[in-house]
Every structure is written in structure tokens, then in C-alpha cells.
Amino acid sequence: MHRSRSSDPLKATRQSIAITITAVRIDRLEGRTDDELKLMLGTNQDCVVEVLGVPERDCYQIVHEQKKGRMVFLDTGMSFERSVGVVAIQSSTNPRTHVEKIKVFE
């Protein structure tokens, strides 16, 4: 027997979960310390919580450490040299406004 969506007792729970989940992937070069990683992850989570209103305990972060030469970031007309400490951050989240997305990186 087919149940209608309106009779789904978990619908509200699923909707609230979908609103808050933000998954973050961080790519960085090998060689940084555990303390540097801990600081980076904590700072990133603080930004997500503050700007996007995600609950503090909703933390989904994956770190990939790349060998030297496996991450290439060249100047794209911004006239600055990138350091060897370059980090790439990808964030997957539910639809957010352009302003919300930009504020995370301010």
C-alpha cells in the first residue's frame, strides 16, 4: 500500500537534516603538523557555523593530503604568487545565497 508524503512521520526530521548538512573537502600538501590541521579544521567549522547557521556538532570534513606536485595552482591574472601552503577547500551544501557563500571566505 502506498503512503502519501503528508503522512510521513519523519518528513520534518529529514527536512531539518537536509537544511543543516554542509560537507567540506580540504586538499593540502603533505608536511603540515597535526596542530596546523587541527587549527584549519576548527577555523573552517567556526566559519560554517557562524555564517551558515549550521549547528556546531554538524561537522563533516574530509582532508586529503597530496604529494608535492599533485596540486597545481597558477596565477590567474591576480598578480600574486601562491605559497607552498596553498589549500583547496570544496564545500557541498544545500542551496545558499551568493552572499552566504562569499561570507564563509571573508
N, C-alpha and C. Protein backbone atom coordinates (compact mmCIF):
# COMPACT_ATOMS: atom_id res chain seq x y z
N MET A 1 0.85 -1.17 0.00
CA MET A 1 0.00 0.00 0.00
C MET A 1 0.90 1.24 0.00
N HIS A 2 0.58 2.22 -0.81
CA HIS A 2 1.38 3.44 -0.95
C HIS A 2 0.93 4.49 0.05
N ARG A 3 1.91 5.01 0.82
CA ARG A 3 1.60 6.07 1.79
C ARG A 3 1.86 7.41 1.14
N SER A 4 1.02 8.36 1.43
CA SER A 4 1.23 9.70 0.88
C SER A 4 2.35 10.37 1.67
N ARG A 5 3.00 11.35 1.05
CA ARG A 5 4.10 12.05 1.70
C ARG A 5 3.63 12.81 2.94
N SER A 6 2.42 13.29 2.93
CA SER A 6 1.93 14.08 4.06
C SER A 6 1.77 13.24 5.32
N SER A 7 1.68 11.92 5.18
CA SER A 7 1.54 11.08 6.36
C SER A 7 2.89 10.53 6.83
N ASP A 8 3.96 11.03 6.28
CA ASP A 8 5.30 10.57 6.62
C ASP A 8 5.73 11.20 7.94
N PRO A 9 5.84 10.43 9.03
CA PRO A 9 6.19 11.00 10.34
C PRO A 9 7.63 11.51 10.42
N LEU A 10 8.52 11.10 9.51
CA LEU A 10 9.91 11.53 9.54
C LEU A 10 10.20 12.68 8.58
N LYS A 11 9.18 13.14 7.88
CA LYS A 11 9.39 14.19 6.87
C LYS A 11 10.05 15.44 7.47
N ALA A 12 9.54 15.93 8.58
CA ALA A 12 10.10 17.13 9.20
C ALA A 12 11.54 16.91 9.63
N THR A 13 11.84 15.72 10.15
CA THR A 13 13.20 15.42 10.57
C THR A 13 14.14 15.42 9.37
N ARG A 14 13.72 14.77 8.28
CA ARG A 14 14.55 14.73 7.08
C ARG A 14 14.76 16.13 6.52
N GLN A 15 13.74 16.96 6.54
CA GLN A 15 13.87 18.32 6.03
C GLN A 15 14.85 19.12 6.88
N SER A 16 14.79 19.01 8.21
CA SER A 16 15.69 19.78 9.05
C SER A 16 17.13 19.30 8.90
N ILE A 17 17.34 18.00 8.69
CA ILE A 17 18.68 17.49 8.45
C ILE A 17 19.22 18.02 7.14
N ALA A 18 18.40 18.03 6.10
CA ALA A 18 18.85 18.49 4.80
C ALA A 18 19.26 19.96 4.83
N ILE A 19 18.64 20.73 5.67
CA ILE A 19 18.95 22.15 5.73
C ILE A 19 20.31 22.40 6.35
N THR A 20 20.74 21.58 7.29
CA THR A 20 21.93 21.89 8.05
C THR A 20 23.22 21.24 7.54
N ILE A 21 23.15 20.21 6.76
CA ILE A 21 24.37 19.49 6.39
C ILE A 21 25.23 20.29 5.41
N THR A 22 26.48 20.48 5.79
CA THR A 22 27.49 21.08 4.92
C THR A 22 28.72 20.20 5.00
N ALA A 23 29.08 19.60 3.88
CA ALA A 23 30.26 18.73 3.83
C ALA A 23 31.41 19.51 3.21
N VAL A 24 32.59 19.38 3.80
CA VAL A 24 33.76 20.13 3.35
C VAL A 24 34.89 19.16 3.03
N ARG A 25 35.50 19.36 1.87
CA ARG A 25 36.69 18.59 1.49
C ARG A 25 37.85 19.58 1.41
N ILE A 26 38.94 19.25 2.08
CA ILE A 26 40.12 20.10 2.10
C ILE A 26 41.28 19.32 1.49
N ASP A 27 41.89 19.90 0.46
CA ASP A 27 43.09 19.33 -0.13
C ASP A 27 44.26 20.22 0.25
N ARG A 28 45.32 19.61 0.74
CA ARG A 28 46.52 20.36 1.11
C ARG A 28 47.73 19.49 0.85
N LEU A 29 48.89 20.12 0.80
CA LEU A 29 50.12 19.37 0.59
C LEU A 29 50.55 18.68 1.87
N GLU A 30 51.18 17.53 1.71
CA GLU A 30 51.73 16.81 2.87
C GLU A 30 52.78 17.66 3.56
N GLY A 31 52.96 17.41 4.85
CA GLY A 31 54.06 18.04 5.56
C GLY A 31 53.67 19.01 6.65
N ARG A 32 52.40 19.31 6.78
CA ARG A 32 51.99 20.20 7.87
C ARG A 32 51.78 19.38 9.13
N THR A 33 51.83 20.06 10.27
CA THR A 33 51.70 19.36 11.55
C THR A 33 50.24 19.07 11.90
N ASP A 34 50.06 18.18 12.85
CA ASP A 34 48.71 17.88 13.33
C ASP A 34 48.07 19.13 13.95
N ASP A 35 48.86 19.95 14.63
CA ASP A 35 48.33 21.18 15.23
C ASP A 35 47.83 22.15 14.15
N GLU A 36 48.57 22.24 13.04
CA GLU A 36 48.12 23.10 11.94
C GLU A 36 46.82 22.58 11.35
N LEU A 37 46.71 21.27 11.20
CA LEU A 37 45.48 20.67 10.68
C LEU A 37 44.32 20.93 11.63
N LYS A 38 44.55 20.75 12.92
CA LYS A 38 43.50 20.97 13.91
C LYS A 38 43.00 22.42 13.87
N LEU A 39 43.93 23.37 13.75
CA LEU A 39 43.57 24.78 13.65
C LEU A 39 42.77 25.06 12.39
N MET A 40 43.19 24.49 11.26
CA MET A 40 42.49 24.69 10.00
C MET A 40 41.07 24.14 10.05
N LEU A 41 40.91 22.94 10.58
CA LEU A 41 39.58 22.33 10.66
C LEU A 41 38.68 23.10 11.62
N GLY A 42 39.23 23.53 12.75
CA GLY A 42 38.44 24.29 13.72
C GLY A 42 38.01 25.63 13.16
N THR A 43 38.91 26.32 12.48
CA THR A 43 38.59 27.61 11.88
C THR A 43 37.53 27.46 10.81
N ASN A 44 37.68 26.44 9.98
CA ASN A 44 36.70 26.19 8.93
C ASN A 44 35.32 25.91 9.53
N GLN A 45 35.26 25.07 10.54
CA GLN A 45 33.97 24.76 11.17
C GLN A 45 33.36 25.99 11.83
N ASP A 46 34.18 26.80 12.48
CA ASP A 46 33.68 28.04 13.09
C ASP A 46 33.03 28.94 12.04
N CYS A 47 33.64 29.05 10.87
CA CYS A 47 33.09 29.88 9.79
C CYS A 47 31.76 29.32 9.30
N VAL A 48 31.69 28.01 9.11
CA VAL A 48 30.46 27.39 8.63
C VAL A 48 29.33 27.59 9.64
N VAL A 49 29.64 27.42 10.92
CA VAL A 49 28.64 27.61 11.98
C VAL A 49 28.16 29.06 12.02
N GLU A 50 29.11 29.99 12.01
CA GLU A 50 28.77 31.41 12.13
C GLU A 50 28.01 31.94 10.92
N VAL A 51 28.48 31.64 9.74
CA VAL A 51 27.90 32.24 8.53
C VAL A 51 26.66 31.50 8.04
N LEU A 52 26.69 30.17 8.07
CA LEU A 52 25.58 29.41 7.51
C LEU A 52 24.57 28.95 8.55
N GLY A 53 24.88 29.16 9.84
CA GLY A 53 23.94 28.79 10.88
C GLY A 53 23.83 27.30 11.11
N VAL A 54 24.87 26.57 10.76
CA VAL A 54 24.89 25.13 10.95
C VAL A 54 25.15 24.84 12.43
N PRO A 55 24.46 23.88 13.03
CA PRO A 55 24.75 23.53 14.43
C PRO A 55 26.21 23.11 14.60
N GLU A 56 26.81 23.46 15.72
CA GLU A 56 28.23 23.19 15.96
C GLU A 56 28.61 21.71 15.80
N ARG A 57 27.72 20.82 16.20
CA ARG A 57 28.05 19.39 16.14
C ARG A 57 27.81 18.79 14.76
N ASP A 58 27.28 19.56 13.82
CA ASP A 58 27.13 19.09 12.44
C ASP A 58 28.43 19.40 11.71
N CYS A 59 29.37 18.49 11.80
CA CYS A 59 30.71 18.72 11.25
C CYS A 59 31.07 17.56 10.34
N TYR A 60 31.21 17.84 9.05
CA TYR A 60 31.56 16.83 8.07
C TYR A 60 32.73 17.37 7.26
N GLN A 61 33.95 17.00 7.64
CA GLN A 61 35.15 17.50 6.97
C GLN A 61 36.05 16.31 6.61
N ILE A 62 36.54 16.34 5.38
CA ILE A 62 37.44 15.29 4.91
C ILE A 62 38.70 15.99 4.41
N VAL A 63 39.85 15.52 4.88
CA VAL A 63 41.13 16.11 4.48
C VAL A 63 41.88 15.11 3.59
N HIS A 64 42.35 15.62 2.46
CA HIS A 64 43.19 14.84 1.55
C HIS A 64 44.55 15.52 1.52
N GLU A 65 45.58 14.76 1.84
CA GLU A 65 46.94 15.30 1.79
C GLU A 65 47.61 14.80 0.51
N GLN A 66 48.06 15.75 -0.29
CA GLN A 66 48.62 15.46 -1.60
C GLN A 66 50.14 15.54 -1.57
N LYS A 67 50.79 14.72 -2.37
CA LYS A 67 52.24 14.79 -2.52
C LYS A 67 52.59 16.06 -3.29
N LYS A 68 53.80 16.55 -3.07
CA LYS A 68 54.28 17.72 -3.78
C LYS A 68 54.15 17.48 -5.29
N GLY A 69 53.64 18.48 -5.98
CA GLY A 69 53.46 18.38 -7.43
C GLY A 69 52.10 17.86 -7.85
N ARG A 70 51.28 17.44 -6.90
CA ARG A 70 49.95 16.90 -7.23
C ARG A 70 48.86 17.97 -7.17
N MET A 71 49.22 19.16 -6.70
CA MET A 71 48.29 20.29 -6.70
C MET A 71 48.97 21.44 -7.44
N VAL A 72 48.33 21.89 -8.51
CA VAL A 72 48.90 22.97 -9.31
C VAL A 72 47.92 24.12 -9.32
N PHE A 73 48.34 25.26 -8.77
CA PHE A 73 47.53 26.47 -8.74
C PHE A 73 48.38 27.59 -9.31
N LEU A 74 48.06 28.03 -10.50
CA LEU A 74 48.83 29.07 -11.16
C LEU A 74 48.14 30.42 -11.03
N ASP A 75 48.88 31.48 -11.31
CA ASP A 75 48.33 32.83 -11.31
C ASP A 75 47.26 32.92 -12.39
N THR A 76 46.11 33.43 -12.03
CA THR A 76 45.02 33.60 -13.00
C THR A 76 44.73 35.08 -13.20
N GLY A 77 45.81 35.86 -13.29
CA GLY A 77 45.65 37.29 -13.53
C GLY A 77 45.46 38.10 -12.26
N MET A 78 45.70 37.49 -11.10
CA MET A 78 45.51 38.22 -9.85
C MET A 78 46.81 38.83 -9.35
N SER A 79 47.90 38.61 -10.06
CA SER A 79 49.19 39.24 -9.79
C SER A 79 49.73 38.97 -8.38
N PHE A 80 49.68 37.75 -7.93
CA PHE A 80 50.35 37.38 -6.69
C PHE A 80 50.87 35.95 -6.80
N GLU A 81 51.88 35.67 -6.05
CA GLU A 81 52.47 34.34 -6.02
C GLU A 81 51.80 33.53 -4.92
N ARG A 82 51.46 32.31 -5.24
CA ARG A 82 50.88 31.43 -4.23
C ARG A 82 52.01 30.81 -3.41
N SER A 83 51.74 30.59 -2.14
CA SER A 83 52.75 29.98 -1.27
C SER A 83 52.70 28.47 -1.42
N VAL A 84 53.69 27.81 -0.86
CA VAL A 84 53.70 26.34 -0.89
C VAL A 84 52.63 25.79 0.05
N GLY A 85 52.02 26.65 0.86
CA GLY A 85 50.99 26.23 1.79
C GLY A 85 49.58 26.35 1.23
N VAL A 86 49.46 26.39 -0.10
CA VAL A 86 48.15 26.56 -0.71
C VAL A 86 47.21 25.43 -0.28
N VAL A 87 45.95 25.78 -0.07
CA VAL A 87 44.92 24.84 0.36
C VAL A 87 43.70 25.02 -0.55
N ALA A 88 43.10 23.92 -0.96
CA ALA A 88 41.88 23.97 -1.76
C ALA A 88 40.73 23.48 -0.87
N ILE A 89 39.66 24.27 -0.81
CA ILE A 89 38.51 23.92 0.03
C ILE A 89 37.28 23.83 -0.87
N GLN A 90 36.61 22.68 -0.82
CA GLN A 90 35.37 22.48 -1.54
C GLN A 90 34.26 22.28 -0.52
N SER A 91 33.17 22.97 -0.73
CA SER A 91 32.05 22.87 0.20
C SER A 91 30.81 22.45 -0.56
N SER A 92 30.14 21.44 -0.05
CA SER A 92 28.88 20.98 -0.62
C SER A 92 27.79 21.23 0.41
N THR A 93 26.79 21.97 0.00
CA THR A 93 25.73 22.32 0.94
C THR A 93 24.43 22.49 0.19
N ASN A 94 23.37 22.62 0.94
CA ASN A 94 22.08 22.90 0.33
C ASN A 94 22.13 24.29 -0.28
N PRO A 95 21.20 24.61 -1.15
CA PRO A 95 21.23 25.92 -1.79
C PRO A 95 21.39 27.06 -0.78
N ARG A 96 22.36 27.90 -1.06
CA ARG A 96 22.64 29.08 -0.24
C ARG A 96 22.69 30.29 -1.16
N THR A 97 22.45 31.46 -0.60
CA THR A 97 22.53 32.67 -1.41
C THR A 97 24.00 32.95 -1.75
N HIS A 98 24.21 33.74 -2.77
CA HIS A 98 25.57 34.12 -3.16
C HIS A 98 26.26 34.83 -2.00
N VAL A 99 25.55 35.68 -1.29
CA VAL A 99 26.12 36.41 -0.15
C VAL A 99 26.57 35.45 0.94
N GLU A 100 25.76 34.45 1.26
CA GLU A 100 26.14 33.46 2.28
C GLU A 100 27.42 32.73 1.88
N LYS A 101 27.52 32.34 0.62
CA LYS A 101 28.70 31.61 0.17
C LYS A 101 29.96 32.46 0.28
N ILE A 102 29.89 33.71 -0.12
CA ILE A 102 31.04 34.61 -0.08
C ILE A 102 31.47 34.88 1.35
N LYS A 103 30.52 35.03 2.28
CA LYS A 103 30.85 35.37 3.67
C LYS A 103 31.70 34.30 4.35
N VAL A 104 31.55 33.05 3.95
CA VAL A 104 32.34 31.97 4.55
C VAL A 104 33.83 32.22 4.36
N PHE A 105 34.21 32.83 3.24
CA PHE A 105 35.61 33.00 2.91
C PHE A 105 36.13 34.40 3.23
N GLU A 106 35.33 35.26 3.86
CA GLU A 106 35.80 36.60 4.21
C GLU A 106 36.72 36.57 5.42
